[in-house]
Protein backbone atom coordinates (compact mmCIF):
# COMPACT_ATOMS: atom_id res chain seq x y z
CA MET A 1 -51.74 -65.89 -52.09
CA THR A 2 -55.39 -65.01 -52.68
CA ARG A 3 -57.45 -67.95 -53.85
CA THR A 4 -60.39 -66.83 -56.00
CA VAL A 5 -63.27 -68.76 -57.53
CA VAL A 6 -64.96 -67.32 -60.60
CA ILE A 7 -68.48 -68.55 -61.37
CA GLY A 8 -69.29 -68.62 -65.07
CA GLY A 9 -67.05 -68.83 -68.11
CA GLY A 10 -68.70 -66.26 -70.34
CA VAL A 11 -66.81 -63.26 -71.66
CA ALA A 12 -66.94 -61.49 -68.28
CA GLY A 13 -65.90 -64.60 -66.34
CA LEU A 14 -62.94 -65.34 -68.61
CA ALA A 15 -61.87 -61.69 -68.63
CA THR A 16 -62.08 -61.36 -64.84
CA ALA A 17 -60.25 -64.62 -64.27
CA ALA A 18 -57.44 -63.58 -66.61
CA LEU A 19 -57.01 -60.17 -64.96
CA LEU A 20 -56.99 -61.59 -61.43
CA ALA A 21 -54.57 -64.38 -62.32
CA ARG A 22 -52.24 -61.83 -63.87
CA GLU A 23 -52.57 -59.85 -60.64
CA GLY A 24 -51.30 -62.89 -58.72
CA HIS A 25 -54.51 -64.59 -57.60
CA GLN A 26 -54.82 -68.37 -57.73
CA VAL A 27 -57.96 -68.60 -59.85
CA ARG A 28 -60.31 -71.48 -60.52
CA LEU A 29 -63.17 -70.85 -62.95
CA LEU A 30 -66.26 -73.07 -62.77
CA GLU A 31 -68.52 -73.21 -65.84
CA LYS A 32 -71.82 -75.12 -65.81
CA ASN A 33 -71.82 -75.92 -69.55
CA SER A 34 -69.43 -78.12 -71.47
CA ARG A 35 -67.74 -75.12 -73.05
CA ALA A 36 -66.81 -71.62 -71.97
CA GLY A 37 -68.20 -68.56 -73.73
CA GLY A 38 -71.64 -68.15 -72.20
CA ARG A 39 -73.97 -66.24 -74.50
CA ALA A 40 -71.07 -65.82 -76.93
CA GLY A 41 -71.50 -69.43 -77.94
CA THR A 42 -71.16 -71.51 -81.05
CA VAL A 43 -73.06 -74.21 -82.93
CA THR A 44 -71.52 -76.44 -85.59
CA ARG A 45 -73.92 -78.27 -87.87
CA ASP A 46 -73.71 -79.78 -91.37
CA GLY A 47 -70.49 -77.94 -92.22
CA PHE A 48 -71.70 -74.56 -90.91
CA ARG A 49 -70.36 -72.84 -87.79
CA PHE A 50 -72.68 -70.31 -86.20
CA ASP A 51 -72.01 -67.73 -83.52
CA THR A 52 -75.03 -67.78 -81.21
CA GLY A 53 -74.49 -64.46 -79.48
CA PRO A 54 -72.72 -61.14 -80.13
CA SER A 55 -71.79 -60.26 -83.70
CA TRP A 56 -71.10 -56.49 -83.78
CA TYR A 57 -67.51 -55.52 -82.96
CA LEU A 58 -67.94 -52.01 -81.58
CA MET A 59 -65.97 -49.84 -79.12
CA PRO A 60 -62.57 -51.05 -80.38
CA SER A 61 -60.77 -48.86 -77.82
CA VAL A 62 -62.26 -50.98 -75.02
CA PHE A 63 -60.95 -54.20 -76.58
CA GLU A 64 -57.54 -52.63 -77.17
CA HIS A 65 -57.30 -51.40 -73.58
CA PHE A 66 -58.32 -54.78 -72.18
CA PHE A 67 -55.73 -56.64 -74.23
CA GLU A 68 -53.09 -54.14 -73.07
CA LEU A 69 -53.97 -55.04 -69.47
CA LEU A 70 -52.99 -58.60 -70.34
CA GLY A 71 -49.73 -57.53 -71.93
CA THR A 72 -50.82 -57.94 -75.52
CA SER A 73 -52.87 -56.08 -78.15
CA ALA A 74 -55.94 -56.49 -80.32
CA ALA A 75 -53.68 -56.65 -83.37
CA GLU A 76 -51.79 -59.59 -81.87
CA GLN A 77 -54.91 -61.46 -80.80
CA LEU A 78 -57.48 -60.73 -83.52
CA ASP A 79 -57.64 -60.53 -87.29
CA LEU A 80 -59.98 -57.56 -87.69
CA ARG A 81 -61.65 -56.62 -90.96
CA THR A 82 -63.41 -53.31 -91.56
CA LEU A 83 -66.81 -53.80 -93.17
CA ASP A 84 -67.85 -51.70 -96.14
CA PRO A 85 -70.75 -51.26 -96.23
CA GLY A 86 -71.08 -51.25 -92.47
CA TYR A 87 -74.61 -52.59 -92.89
CA ARG A 88 -77.74 -52.44 -95.03
CA VAL A 89 -81.16 -51.30 -93.91
CA PHE A 90 -84.29 -52.82 -95.46
CA THR A 91 -87.66 -51.23 -94.84
CA GLU A 92 -91.07 -52.82 -94.87
CA PRO A 93 -92.30 -52.96 -98.50
CA ALA A 94 -94.95 -50.51 -99.61
CA ALA A 95 -98.08 -51.52 -101.51
CA ASP A 96 -96.10 -52.19 -104.71
CA ALA A 97 -93.93 -54.71 -102.78
CA SER A 98 -90.72 -53.23 -104.22
CA VAL A 99 -87.49 -53.68 -102.27
CA SER A 100 -86.33 -50.59 -100.39
CA CYS A 101 -82.74 -50.72 -99.17
CA VAL A 102 -80.32 -48.15 -97.76
CA GLU A 103 -76.63 -49.02 -97.61
CA VAL A 104 -74.67 -47.42 -94.76
CA PRO A 105 -71.08 -47.05 -95.97
CA TYR A 106 -67.80 -46.95 -94.09
CA GLY A 107 -66.43 -43.46 -93.45
CA ALA A 108 -67.98 -40.36 -91.93
CA ASP A 109 -67.81 -38.37 -95.18
CA ARG A 110 -69.67 -41.04 -97.11
CA VAL A 111 -72.24 -41.37 -94.32
CA ALA A 112 -72.79 -37.60 -94.56
CA GLU A 113 -73.37 -37.96 -98.30
CA LEU A 114 -75.97 -40.66 -97.62
CA PHE A 115 -77.82 -38.44 -95.14
CA GLU A 116 -77.72 -35.52 -97.58
CA GLU A 117 -79.11 -37.69 -100.35
CA LEU A 118 -82.03 -38.92 -98.24
CA GLU A 119 -82.71 -35.65 -96.43
CA PRO A 120 -81.24 -32.61 -98.20
CA GLY A 121 -79.60 -30.25 -95.74
CA SER A 122 -79.15 -32.94 -93.05
CA SER A 123 -75.40 -33.48 -93.41
CA GLY A 124 -74.57 -30.42 -91.31
CA GLU A 125 -76.91 -31.59 -88.57
CA LEU A 126 -75.34 -35.05 -88.75
CA GLY A 127 -71.90 -33.49 -88.26
CA ARG A 128 -73.09 -31.74 -85.11
CA TYR A 129 -74.81 -34.92 -83.94
CA LEU A 130 -71.67 -37.02 -84.35
CA ARG A 131 -69.45 -34.41 -82.71
CA SER A 132 -71.78 -34.49 -79.73
CA ALA A 133 -71.73 -38.31 -79.79
CA ARG A 134 -67.91 -38.36 -79.85
CA HIS A 135 -67.67 -35.93 -76.96
CA THR A 136 -70.22 -37.88 -74.93
CA SER A 137 -68.47 -41.17 -75.69
CA ASP A 138 -65.15 -39.73 -74.56
CA MET A 139 -66.72 -38.42 -71.35
CA ALA A 140 -68.30 -41.81 -70.70
CA GLU A 141 -65.01 -43.70 -71.03
CA ARG A 142 -63.04 -41.17 -68.95
CA TYR A 143 -65.50 -40.63 -66.11
CA PHE A 144 -68.36 -43.13 -66.04
CA LEU A 145 -67.86 -46.57 -67.62
CA TYR A 146 -64.72 -47.49 -65.62
CA ASN A 147 -65.93 -45.78 -62.44
CA THR A 148 -66.69 -47.82 -59.31
CA PHE A 149 -68.64 -44.81 -57.96
CA THR A 150 -67.05 -45.24 -54.53
CA ARG A 151 -65.63 -41.73 -54.53
CA TRP A 152 -68.18 -39.14 -55.58
CA ARG A 153 -65.58 -36.45 -56.13
CA SER A 154 -64.47 -38.48 -59.15
CA LEU A 155 -67.55 -36.98 -60.81
CA LEU A 156 -66.51 -33.45 -59.88
CA ALA A 157 -63.71 -33.20 -62.44
CA ALA A 158 -63.72 -29.89 -64.28
CA PRO A 159 -64.78 -31.38 -67.66
CA VAL A 160 -67.75 -33.08 -65.99
CA LEU A 161 -68.80 -29.91 -64.17
CA ARG A 162 -68.55 -27.87 -67.38
CA ALA A 163 -70.69 -30.43 -69.18
CA LEU A 164 -73.32 -30.73 -66.46
CA PRO A 165 -76.03 -28.60 -68.12
CA ARG A 166 -75.63 -30.50 -71.36
CA LEU A 167 -75.49 -33.88 -69.61
CA ALA A 168 -78.62 -33.03 -67.66
CA GLY A 169 -80.43 -32.34 -70.90
CA LEU A 170 -79.25 -35.62 -72.40
CA LEU A 171 -80.33 -37.57 -69.33
CA THR A 172 -83.83 -36.06 -69.21
CA THR A 173 -84.59 -36.36 -72.93
CA SER A 174 -85.36 -39.64 -74.68
CA LEU A 175 -83.16 -40.82 -77.53
CA GLN A 176 -86.16 -40.85 -79.87
CA ARG A 177 -87.10 -37.27 -79.04
CA PHE A 178 -83.47 -36.15 -79.36
CA VAL A 179 -83.22 -37.68 -82.83
CA GLU A 180 -86.61 -36.55 -84.09
CA ARG A 181 -85.87 -32.92 -83.20
CA ARG A 182 -82.99 -33.06 -85.69
CA PHE A 183 -84.02 -35.35 -88.55
CA THR A 184 -87.27 -35.98 -90.42
CA HIS A 185 -86.50 -38.89 -92.78
CA GLN A 186 -87.90 -42.07 -91.22
CA VAL A 187 -85.00 -44.36 -92.15
CA LEU A 188 -82.41 -41.87 -90.91
CA ARG A 189 -84.28 -41.62 -87.64
CA GLN A 190 -84.33 -45.39 -87.34
CA ILE A 191 -80.60 -45.64 -88.10
CA LEU A 192 -79.92 -43.26 -85.21
CA GLU A 193 -82.43 -44.84 -82.82
CA TYR A 194 -81.83 -48.57 -83.35
CA PRO A 195 -78.66 -48.68 -81.14
CA ALA A 196 -81.07 -48.57 -78.19
CA ILE A 197 -81.66 -52.27 -78.87
CA PHE A 198 -77.94 -52.90 -78.23
CA LEU A 199 -78.67 -51.44 -74.80
CA GLY A 200 -81.69 -53.64 -74.25
CA THR A 201 -84.24 -50.86 -74.33
CA ASP A 202 -86.76 -48.83 -76.30
CA PRO A 203 -85.52 -45.56 -77.92
CA ARG A 204 -88.55 -43.88 -76.37
CA LYS A 205 -87.17 -44.78 -72.91
CA ALA A 206 -83.41 -44.70 -73.46
CA PRO A 207 -81.89 -41.40 -72.30
CA ALA A 208 -80.46 -39.33 -75.14
CA ILE A 209 -76.98 -39.63 -73.65
CA TYR A 210 -76.88 -42.95 -75.50
CA HIS A 211 -76.73 -41.12 -78.82
CA LEU A 212 -73.02 -41.72 -78.19
CA MET A 213 -73.61 -45.16 -79.74
CA SER A 214 -73.89 -43.59 -83.20
CA THR A 215 -70.25 -42.62 -83.25
CA LEU A 216 -69.38 -46.33 -83.00
CA ASP A 217 -70.88 -47.38 -86.33
CA LEU A 218 -71.31 -44.15 -88.32
CA ASP A 219 -67.99 -42.56 -87.34
CA ASP A 220 -65.58 -45.31 -86.26
CA GLY A 221 -67.07 -47.92 -88.61
CA VAL A 222 -67.89 -51.57 -88.02
CA GLN A 223 -65.27 -54.31 -87.80
CA TYR A 224 -65.44 -58.10 -87.72
CA PRO A 225 -62.93 -60.45 -86.07
CA ILE A 226 -62.20 -63.40 -88.35
CA GLY A 227 -63.48 -66.47 -86.55
CA GLY A 228 -66.34 -64.41 -85.14
CA PHE A 229 -66.94 -63.81 -81.48
CA TRP A 230 -66.32 -67.48 -80.80
CA GLY A 231 -62.78 -66.80 -82.00
CA LEU A 232 -62.61 -63.95 -79.48
CA VAL A 233 -63.81 -66.31 -76.74
CA GLU A 234 -61.09 -68.79 -77.64
CA ARG A 235 -58.46 -66.08 -77.39
CA LEU A 236 -59.79 -64.99 -73.98
CA ARG A 237 -59.77 -68.58 -72.78
CA GLU A 238 -56.19 -69.11 -73.98
CA LEU A 239 -55.03 -65.87 -72.36
CA ALA A 240 -56.70 -66.86 -69.10
CA VAL A 241 -55.01 -70.26 -69.10
CA GLU A 242 -51.66 -68.68 -69.96
CA ALA A 243 -52.11 -66.36 -66.96
CA GLY A 244 -52.59 -69.38 -64.67
CA VAL A 245 -56.37 -69.84 -64.56
CA GLU A 246 -57.73 -73.34 -64.05
CA ILE A 247 -60.96 -73.74 -66.02
CA VAL A 248 -63.37 -76.51 -65.07
CA THR A 249 -66.36 -77.12 -67.32
CA ASP A 250 -69.50 -79.16 -66.58
CA ALA A 251 -69.25 -77.67 -63.08
CA GLU A 252 -72.61 -76.36 -61.84
CA VAL A 253 -72.23 -74.02 -58.86
CA THR A 254 -75.14 -74.60 -56.47
CA GLU A 255 -74.30 -72.25 -53.60
CA ILE A 256 -71.98 -69.41 -52.65
CA LEU A 257 -70.66 -70.13 -49.18
CA THR A 258 -70.32 -67.43 -46.55
CA ARG A 259 -68.97 -67.25 -43.03
CA ARG A 260 -69.82 -64.75 -40.34
CA GLU A 261 -67.02 -62.52 -39.10
CA ASP A 262 -66.98 -59.55 -36.72
CA ALA A 263 -67.53 -57.19 -39.65
CA GLY A 264 -70.36 -59.31 -41.10
CA LEU A 265 -70.64 -61.97 -43.79
CA HIS A 266 -67.66 -62.88 -45.95
CA ALA A 267 -67.53 -65.12 -49.03
CA SER A 268 -65.65 -68.31 -48.24
CA GLY A 269 -66.09 -70.47 -51.34
CA VAL A 270 -68.73 -72.34 -53.32
CA LYS A 271 -70.50 -75.66 -53.55
CA TRP A 272 -70.56 -77.17 -57.01
CA ARG A 273 -71.76 -80.34 -58.70
CA ASP A 274 -69.64 -82.37 -61.09
CA PRO A 275 -71.00 -84.29 -64.14
CA ALA A 276 -71.49 -87.43 -62.04
CA GLY A 277 -73.75 -85.50 -59.66
CA ALA A 278 -71.26 -85.47 -56.80
CA GLU A 279 -71.27 -82.31 -54.71
CA ARG A 280 -67.93 -80.64 -54.05
CA ILE A 281 -66.80 -77.73 -51.92
CA GLU A 282 -64.29 -75.18 -53.18
CA HIS A 283 -62.80 -72.93 -50.50
CA ALA A 284 -61.67 -69.45 -51.49
CA ASN A 285 -60.71 -66.05 -50.11
CA SER A 286 -62.93 -64.31 -52.63
CA VAL A 287 -65.67 -65.23 -55.08
CA VAL A 288 -66.57 -63.53 -58.36
CA SER A 289 -69.94 -64.39 -59.82
CA ALA A 290 -70.05 -63.72 -63.54
CA ALA A 291 -73.34 -65.62 -63.69
CA ASP A 292 -76.67 -63.85 -64.18
CA LEU A 293 -77.10 -61.54 -61.18
CA HIS A 294 -80.71 -62.60 -60.55
CA HIS A 295 -79.64 -66.25 -60.35
CA THR A 296 -76.69 -65.35 -58.15
CA GLU A 297 -78.74 -63.35 -55.69
CA THR A 298 -81.95 -65.42 -55.53
CA VAL A 299 -80.57 -68.96 -55.93
CA LEU A 300 -76.86 -69.14 -55.09
CA LEU A 301 -76.98 -67.00 -51.95
CA ARG A 302 -78.82 -67.81 -48.76
CA GLU A 303 -81.50 -65.33 -47.79
CA GLU A 304 -79.40 -63.60 -45.15
CA ALA A 305 -76.71 -62.86 -47.74
CA ARG A 306 -78.98 -61.42 -50.43
CA SER A 307 -78.88 -57.77 -51.42
CA TYR A 308 -81.28 -57.99 -54.38
CA ASP A 309 -84.21 -60.24 -53.54
CA GLU A 310 -87.24 -60.98 -55.73
CA SER A 311 -89.03 -57.83 -54.64
CA TRP A 312 -86.07 -55.79 -55.95
CA TRP A 313 -86.19 -57.59 -59.30
CA GLU A 314 -89.93 -57.00 -59.61
CA ARG A 315 -89.13 -53.29 -59.81
CA ARG A 316 -86.54 -53.75 -62.56
CA GLU A 317 -87.16 -53.60 -66.31
CA SER A 318 -85.73 -56.37 -68.45
CA GLY A 319 -84.18 -55.98 -71.85
CA PRO A 320 -85.72 -57.98 -74.69
CA GLY A 321 -85.80 -61.69 -75.19
CA ALA A 322 -85.04 -63.18 -78.57
CA VAL A 323 -85.81 -65.82 -81.11
CA LEU A 324 -82.51 -66.77 -82.73
CA VAL A 325 -82.61 -68.55 -86.08
CA LEU A 326 -79.43 -70.17 -87.42
CA LEU A 327 -79.72 -70.91 -91.14
CA GLY A 328 -77.42 -72.69 -93.53
CA VAL A 329 -78.44 -71.64 -97.03
CA ARG A 330 -77.52 -73.17 -100.40
CA GLY A 331 -76.16 -70.67 -102.91
CA GLU A 332 -75.07 -67.07 -102.50
CA LEU A 333 -77.19 -64.23 -101.11
CA PRO A 334 -75.77 -60.99 -102.56
CA GLN A 335 -78.90 -59.13 -101.45
CA LEU A 336 -77.66 -59.26 -97.84
CA ALA A 337 -74.59 -57.52 -96.41
CA HIS A 338 -72.52 -58.85 -93.53
CA HIS A 339 -74.98 -56.96 -91.27
CA SER A 340 -78.54 -56.25 -92.40
CA LEU A 341 -81.33 -54.57 -90.45
CA PHE A 342 -85.01 -54.99 -91.33
CA PHE A 343 -87.12 -52.16 -89.92
CA THR A 344 -90.90 -52.17 -89.68
CA SER A 345 -92.75 -49.05 -90.78
CA ASP A 346 -94.67 -48.85 -87.49
CA TRP A 347 -91.65 -48.43 -85.23
CA ASP A 348 -93.64 -47.64 -82.09
CA ALA A 349 -95.94 -50.69 -82.43
CA ASN A 350 -92.88 -52.92 -82.65
CA PHE A 351 -91.47 -51.57 -79.37
CA ASP A 352 -94.90 -51.62 -77.70
CA ALA A 353 -95.09 -55.37 -78.38
CA ILE A 354 -91.68 -55.96 -76.78
CA PHE A 355 -91.66 -53.48 -73.90
CA GLY A 356 -95.30 -52.39 -73.46
CA PRO A 357 -97.80 -53.34 -70.76
CA ASP A 358 -99.30 -56.12 -72.91
CA PRO A 359 -96.24 -57.89 -74.35
CA ALA A 360 -96.66 -60.08 -77.41
CA LEU A 361 -94.59 -61.41 -80.28
CA PRO A 362 -94.31 -58.50 -82.73
CA ASP A 363 -95.73 -59.16 -86.21
CA PRO A 364 -94.22 -57.88 -88.35
CA ALA A 365 -91.03 -57.71 -86.34
CA SER A 366 -87.92 -55.65 -86.86
CA ILE A 367 -85.16 -58.17 -87.53
CA TYR A 368 -81.38 -58.28 -87.50
CA VAL A 369 -79.52 -60.61 -89.88
CA CYS A 370 -75.80 -61.36 -89.81
CA LYS A 371 -74.19 -63.05 -92.82
CA PRO A 372 -70.64 -63.71 -91.59
CA SER A 373 -69.94 -65.79 -94.70
CA ALA A 374 -69.70 -62.43 -96.52
CA THR A 375 -66.37 -61.89 -94.73
CA ASP A 376 -65.29 -65.19 -93.20
CA PRO A 377 -64.95 -68.18 -95.58
CA ASP A 378 -64.67 -70.73 -92.77
CA VAL A 379 -68.22 -70.40 -91.40
CA ALA A 380 -70.00 -72.10 -94.32
CA PRO A 381 -69.25 -74.76 -96.96
CA PRO A 382 -68.21 -73.47 -100.40
CA GLY A 383 -71.14 -72.03 -102.32
CA CYS A 384 -73.29 -71.61 -99.20
CA GLU A 385 -74.21 -68.81 -96.84
CA ASN A 386 -74.40 -68.66 -93.06
CA LEU A 387 -77.24 -66.57 -91.61
CA PHE A 388 -77.79 -65.59 -87.98
CA VAL A 389 -81.26 -64.09 -87.55
CA LEU A 390 -82.28 -62.26 -84.37
CA VAL A 391 -85.92 -61.41 -83.69
CA PRO A 392 -86.32 -59.27 -80.54
CA ILE A 393 -89.33 -60.36 -78.50
CA PRO A 394 -90.48 -59.84 -74.90
CA ALA A 395 -88.30 -61.44 -72.23
CA ASP A 396 -90.59 -64.29 -71.20
CA GLU A 397 -89.43 -67.88 -71.03
CA SER A 398 -93.03 -69.12 -71.40
CA PHE A 399 -92.66 -68.55 -75.15
CA GLY A 400 -90.63 -71.74 -75.15
CA SER A 401 -87.44 -73.18 -76.57
CA GLY A 402 -86.05 -73.78 -80.01
CA GLY A 403 -84.88 -76.90 -81.76
CA VAL A 404 -83.21 -78.37 -84.84
CA ASN A 405 -84.95 -78.28 -88.23
CA GLY A 406 -88.33 -77.17 -86.91
CA ALA A 407 -88.41 -79.29 -83.73
CA GLY A 408 -88.69 -76.37 -81.32
CA ASP A 409 -91.81 -75.18 -79.54
CA PRO A 410 -94.55 -74.07 -81.98
CA THR A 411 -94.46 -70.40 -80.93
CA ILE A 412 -90.70 -70.18 -81.54
CA GLU A 413 -90.84 -72.02 -84.86
CA ALA A 414 -93.74 -69.86 -86.07
CA ALA A 415 -91.78 -66.71 -85.23
CA ALA A 416 -88.81 -68.12 -87.14
CA ASP A 417 -91.02 -68.93 -90.16
CA ARG A 418 -92.36 -65.36 -90.19
CA ALA A 419 -88.86 -63.93 -89.96
CA ILE A 420 -87.65 -66.03 -92.89
CA ALA A 421 -90.68 -64.95 -94.93
CA HIS A 422 -90.09 -61.28 -94.12
CA ILE A 423 -86.41 -61.48 -95.07
CA ALA A 424 -87.38 -63.18 -98.34
CA SER A 425 -89.98 -60.55 -99.15
CA TRP A 426 -88.24 -57.41 -97.94
CA ALA A 427 -84.82 -58.26 -99.44
CA GLY A 428 -86.13 -59.79 -102.64
CA ILE A 429 -85.06 -63.42 -102.10
CA PRO A 430 -88.27 -65.28 -103.04
CA ASP A 431 -86.75 -68.77 -102.84
CA LEU A 432 -84.97 -68.29 -99.49
CA ALA A 433 -87.03 -70.88 -97.59
CA GLU A 434 -86.48 -73.53 -100.27
CA ARG A 435 -82.71 -73.04 -100.16
CA ILE A 436 -82.33 -73.65 -96.41
CA VAL A 437 -80.31 -76.83 -95.84
CA THR A 438 -80.02 -76.66 -92.04
CA ARG A 439 -81.88 -74.71 -89.39
CA GLU A 440 -81.73 -74.34 -85.62
CA THR A 441 -83.77 -72.06 -83.39
CA ILE A 442 -83.09 -70.78 -79.87
CA GLY A 443 -85.79 -69.28 -77.64
CA PRO A 444 -86.14 -67.66 -74.22
CA SER A 445 -86.41 -71.01 -72.43
CA ASP A 446 -83.00 -71.92 -73.85
CA PHE A 447 -81.51 -68.71 -72.43
CA ALA A 448 -83.06 -69.52 -69.05
CA HIS A 449 -81.84 -73.13 -69.08
CA ASP A 450 -78.37 -72.61 -70.56
CA TYR A 451 -77.41 -69.35 -68.82
CA HIS A 452 -79.88 -69.01 -65.90
CA SER A 453 -80.99 -65.85 -67.68
CA TRP A 454 -83.48 -63.68 -65.77
CA ARG A 455 -86.92 -64.06 -67.41
CA GLY A 456 -85.24 -65.77 -70.37
CA GLY A 457 -83.91 -62.44 -71.62
CA MET A 458 -81.00 -62.28 -74.01
CA LEU A 459 -79.24 -59.25 -72.45
CA GLY A 460 -80.21 -58.42 -68.87
CA PRO A 461 -81.70 -55.31 -67.26
CA SER A 462 -82.37 -52.61 -69.84
CA HIS A 463 -80.48 -49.31 -69.92
CA ILE A 464 -83.21 -46.97 -68.89
CA LEU A 465 -81.90 -44.10 -66.74
CA ARG A 466 -82.65 -45.71 -63.37
CA GLN A 467 -80.73 -48.84 -64.44
CA SER A 468 -77.64 -47.12 -65.87
CA ALA A 469 -74.24 -46.10 -64.50
CA MET A 470 -74.31 -45.57 -60.72
CA PHE A 471 -78.00 -46.60 -60.62
CA ARG A 472 -77.22 -50.11 -61.92
CA ALA A 473 -76.32 -52.96 -59.56
CA GLN A 474 -72.60 -52.54 -58.98
CA ASN A 475 -69.71 -55.01 -59.03
CA VAL A 476 -69.55 -55.88 -55.34
CA SER A 477 -72.12 -57.37 -53.00
CA PRO A 478 -73.40 -54.72 -50.57
CA ARG A 479 -73.90 -57.41 -47.93
CA VAL A 480 -71.11 -59.99 -48.36
CA SER A 481 -67.48 -58.90 -48.31
CA GLY A 482 -65.23 -60.72 -50.73
CA LEU A 483 -68.11 -61.31 -53.17
CA TYR A 484 -67.90 -59.53 -56.54
CA TYR A 485 -70.08 -59.39 -59.65
CA ALA A 486 -69.18 -59.20 -63.33
CA GLY A 487 -71.11 -59.43 -66.57
CA ALA A 488 -73.96 -57.86 -68.49
CA THR A 489 -76.41 -57.95 -65.60
CA THR A 490 -74.24 -55.70 -63.45
CA ALA A 491 -72.30 -52.47 -64.07
CA PRO A 492 -71.53 -51.03 -66.50
CA GLY A 493 -74.05 -52.97 -68.61
CA VAL A 494 -74.80 -55.12 -71.62
CA GLY A 495 -72.54 -55.99 -74.53
CA VAL A 496 -69.09 -57.54 -74.86
CA PRO A 497 -67.16 -54.28 -74.30
CA MET A 498 -69.17 -53.66 -71.12
CA CYS A 499 -68.41 -57.20 -69.93
CA LEU A 500 -64.69 -56.54 -70.38
CA ILE A 501 -65.02 -53.30 -68.42
CA SER A 502 -66.95 -55.11 -65.67
CA ALA A 503 -63.95 -57.43 -65.27
CA GLU A 504 -61.72 -54.42 -64.81
CA LEU A 505 -64.17 -52.93 -62.30
CA VAL A 506 -63.85 -56.10 -60.21
CA LEU A 507 -60.08 -55.73 -60.33
CA LYS A 508 -60.38 -52.10 -59.25
CA ARG A 509 -62.68 -53.07 -56.36
CA ILE A 510 -60.24 -55.69 -55.13
CA ARG A 511 -57.31 -53.28 -55.45
CA GLY A 512 -59.21 -50.46 -53.76
CA ASP A 513 -58.70 -48.36 -56.88
CA ARG A 514 -61.29 -45.56 -56.78
CA THR A 515 -60.20 -43.66 -59.87
CA ALA A 516 -62.77 -42.87 -62.56
CA GLY A 517 -61.03 -43.94 -65.77
CA PRO A 518 -59.31 -46.99 -67.24
CA THR A 519 -56.43 -48.38 -65.20
CA ALA A 520 -52.86 -48.46 -66.41
CA PRO A 521 -51.56 -51.78 -67.78
CA ILE A 522 -50.67 -54.17 -64.97
CA GLY A 523 -47.15 -54.95 -66.10
CA PRO A 524 -45.42 -58.33 -65.73
CA ARG A 525 -47.59 -60.95 -64.09
CA ALA A 526 -46.78 -62.10 -60.59
CA GLN A 527 -45.32 -65.57 -60.15
CA ALA A 528 -47.70 -68.11 -61.65
CA PRO A 529 -49.57 -69.81 -58.80
CA THR A 530 -49.91 -73.33 -60.22
CA PRO A 531 -49.96 -74.95 -63.65
CA ALA A 532 -53.37 -74.44 -65.21
CA HIS A 533 -55.56 -77.07 -66.74
CA THR A 534 -58.80 -77.07 -68.67
CA HIS A 535 -61.22 -79.85 -67.80
CA SER A 536 -63.92 -80.63 -70.32
CA GLY A 537 -66.93 -82.86 -70.08
CA PRO A 538 -68.90 -84.47 -72.89
CA ALA A 539 -70.17 -82.13 -75.62
CA GLY A 540 -73.74 -80.92 -75.17
CA ARG A 541 -76.40 -79.54 -77.52
CA GLY A 542 -74.95 -77.06 -79.93
CA HIS A 543 -71.33 -77.64 -79.03
CA PRO A 544 -68.68 -78.81 -81.49
């Protein structure tokens, strides 16, 4: 029986562990923090429960397929609610300081009506845009996202060859240019360009192939799992344990062990430190690191085993960092939808501050606000609202860390104050600051400390062309056999759906499956290796 150690209990780690255990591996998952979940974390404070990571449930087909691999379904595991409106967009007030808001409804026909209202004659162009997005999304799922790129003829399928001229155009044109050729209304352009942030990049740099993202919210609609993404993490953890995974928390992996064989280096286990500081050795036939790839390669591996050293990372482009602001607010906030986007009028200046040669905290900043209490009654006390505020900033841990009720580093708290003021002004909530009853901030240093995040970023390497698909670091070490990688910092990329796919890519690598698309459901699990247990240490900052 194959004994496998998985490093990191985020979404990718839990998903990989569950798939491998169902395949028949004896799996032990080691998580450095006192809870699993990674960036998809949770904070409970003063009767409020905040998700501290993902909040958009997109690409439902990916979730459904993953649950099928575990012998279940999204319907069985999650209580999904369709949001209507999908989200609201607030724009920077003009000189008269009046509130300007666009509500993006659920349903393609109603979205077309919105586009026609804002830009007469644009609904036909939107239809063509979304048809292209649907086709591109389908191509991506069938031929690229689930592809290990170990057999190049997998890219020579007839549909891919027929689409080559069009794909070439999409890869060599920026998303911003692609959109601006088709639409003139500023807010409509921003609605079509903002998904680049989900990919950790600037719409001026993201290849236009990523216009496929627009079919996810404008065509399919936006859903929310009751319990938030922390509820999803709990389901993944329970499914992993049911499959036979042993989860150990408060277990800091300090080294990936290798041994030299005739064919070269092979992963042989890990060293890890328990809460008492004692160092332990865990032997294994294979190791999966679902930790940040930079940390894995430059810290956990000895120099002779590294494939991506610091010089390699110096040539990579990071996605953004973030200031996260968790707010418990007294009274209702009908001005805000479940999802609200606040867009600055000078779009380019905002991205220059985050991704340009002279990075700085953007002011004003484009902001994302999630109000899960609009849909989920259990995330806030009666009569109160729960707000998750995300301010994209440069990925640079020198900006500092957050804290509770204003106790974070001054730069982080000042950015949070500005964000609260902008939300109050742009959405017409003049007394917002006075109604805050609890507040916690999270900054780049927290990402670096809690998740060993490269440069303190919130996502990982951005999805510019040279860091996408087959050009991204793949799911197996080029130098160490038996060592695999999962998570947002490796292929296929950032976001919860991509993390689930990365788990499947590890499974395909181990199986030797070189097909391009999603794998068929595994079927009944092999004999359970050993009873599984979850070990937990004392609760840390931000943990219930």
